[in-house]
Amino acid sequence: MTSKTKFVLDELFKEFEDRHFFTIDDLYIFGLFGTKYAVRQALDSGVLPFIQISKRRRIVPKIALLEYLRINLTNNRNSKSKIHENN
């Protein structure tokens, strides 16, 4: 994992230290997803693990969110590196 990715994840972990679960609204409000629809798509597609609390309520465990972000940040950095190499 690159130092920049690790830095971002460490800062997020500090920010969310007292939180163990996140709602769809939380992820949208924190700016981790552009829309609530994007969060629901991530949950529905299985890319972001969640716990079904009731028929309409889903929560995301902190550890699952951080793992999702770690993977996406790493993939994003790798794809940008490839683009710059090709230019």
Protein backbone atom coordinates (compact mmCIF):
# COMPACT_ATOMS: atom_id res chain seq x y z
CA MET A 1 0.00 0.00 0.00
CA THR A 2 1.40 3.39 -0.90
CA SER A 3 2.12 5.92 1.81
CA LYS A 4 -0.53 8.33 0.47
CA THR A 5 -3.23 5.67 0.59
CA LYS A 6 -2.13 4.64 4.06
CA PHE A 7 -2.21 8.27 5.20
CA VAL A 8 -5.76 8.75 3.92
CA LEU A 9 -6.97 5.54 5.56
CA ASP A 10 -5.24 6.39 8.85
CA GLU A 11 -6.89 9.83 8.88
CA LEU A 12 -10.30 8.33 8.11
CA PHE A 13 -9.83 5.75 10.86
CA LYS A 14 -9.04 8.55 13.35
CA GLU A 15 -12.05 10.54 12.17
CA PHE A 16 -14.35 7.54 12.57
CA GLU A 17 -12.72 6.23 15.75
CA ASP A 18 -15.89 6.35 17.84
CA ARG A 19 -18.13 5.01 15.05
CA HIS A 20 -18.56 1.29 14.43
CA PHE A 21 -21.32 1.42 11.82
CA PHE A 22 -22.43 3.81 9.08
CA THR A 23 -25.76 4.38 7.38
CA ILE A 24 -26.32 5.25 3.73
CA ASP A 25 -26.93 8.85 4.80
CA ASP A 26 -23.63 8.91 6.75
CA LEU A 27 -21.62 7.77 3.74
CA TYR A 28 -23.28 10.38 1.54
CA ILE A 29 -22.96 13.22 4.08
CA PHE A 30 -19.27 12.43 4.72
CA GLY A 31 -18.69 12.79 0.98
CA LEU A 32 -17.43 9.25 0.46
CA PHE A 33 -20.06 8.77 -2.26
CA GLY A 34 -21.50 11.40 -4.57
CA THR A 35 -25.12 10.37 -4.09
CA LYS A 36 -27.21 8.14 -1.86
CA TYR A 37 -28.03 6.18 -5.00
CA ALA A 38 -24.31 5.46 -5.48
CA VAL A 39 -24.12 4.08 -1.93
CA ARG A 40 -27.16 1.87 -2.53
CA GLN A 41 -25.62 0.63 -5.79
CA ALA A 42 -22.41 -0.32 -3.95
CA LEU A 43 -24.46 -2.20 -1.36
CA ASP A 44 -26.74 -3.89 -3.90
CA SER A 45 -23.83 -4.98 -6.09
CA GLY A 46 -22.09 -6.60 -3.12
CA VAL A 47 -18.95 -4.48 -3.39
CA LEU A 48 -19.61 -2.88 -0.01
CA PRO A 49 -20.64 -5.38 2.69
CA PHE A 50 -23.50 -4.42 4.98
CA ILE A 51 -25.75 -5.69 7.75
CA GLN A 52 -29.51 -5.71 7.16
CA ILE A 53 -31.10 -4.29 10.34
CA SER A 54 -34.67 -4.19 9.11
CA LYS A 55 -36.50 -4.34 5.81
CA ARG A 56 -35.40 -0.80 4.90
CA ARG A 57 -32.34 -0.23 7.10
CA ARG A 58 -28.81 -1.29 6.21
CA ILE A 59 -25.60 -0.38 8.01
CA VAL A 60 -21.99 -0.75 6.96
CA PRO A 61 -19.42 -1.90 9.54
CA LYS A 62 -16.42 0.41 9.86
CA ILE A 63 -13.92 -2.33 9.01
CA ALA A 64 -15.82 -3.15 5.78
CA LEU A 65 -15.90 0.52 4.81
CA LEU A 66 -12.18 0.98 5.41
CA GLU A 67 -11.36 -2.16 3.40
CA TYR A 68 -13.59 -0.96 0.54
CA LEU A 69 -11.85 2.42 0.56
CA ARG A 70 -8.39 0.84 0.73
CA ILE A 71 -9.10 -1.30 -2.33
CA ASN A 72 -10.65 1.57 -4.29
CA LEU A 73 -7.91 4.06 -3.40
CA THR A 74 -5.25 1.56 -4.43
CA ASN A 75 -7.04 0.70 -7.69
CA ASN A 76 -7.58 4.39 -8.44
CA ARG A 77 -3.90 5.23 -7.88
CA ASN A 78 -2.80 2.26 -10.01
CA SER A 79 -5.07 3.24 -12.91
CA LYS A 80 -3.84 6.85 -12.79
CA SER A 81 -0.22 5.61 -12.82
CA LYS A 82 -0.90 3.55 -15.94
CA ILE A 83 -2.50 6.53 -17.68
CA HIS A 84 0.54 8.70 -16.95
CA GLU A 85 2.93 5.95 -18.15
CA ASN A 86 1.08 5.71 -21.47
CA ASN A 87 1.26 9.46 -22.16
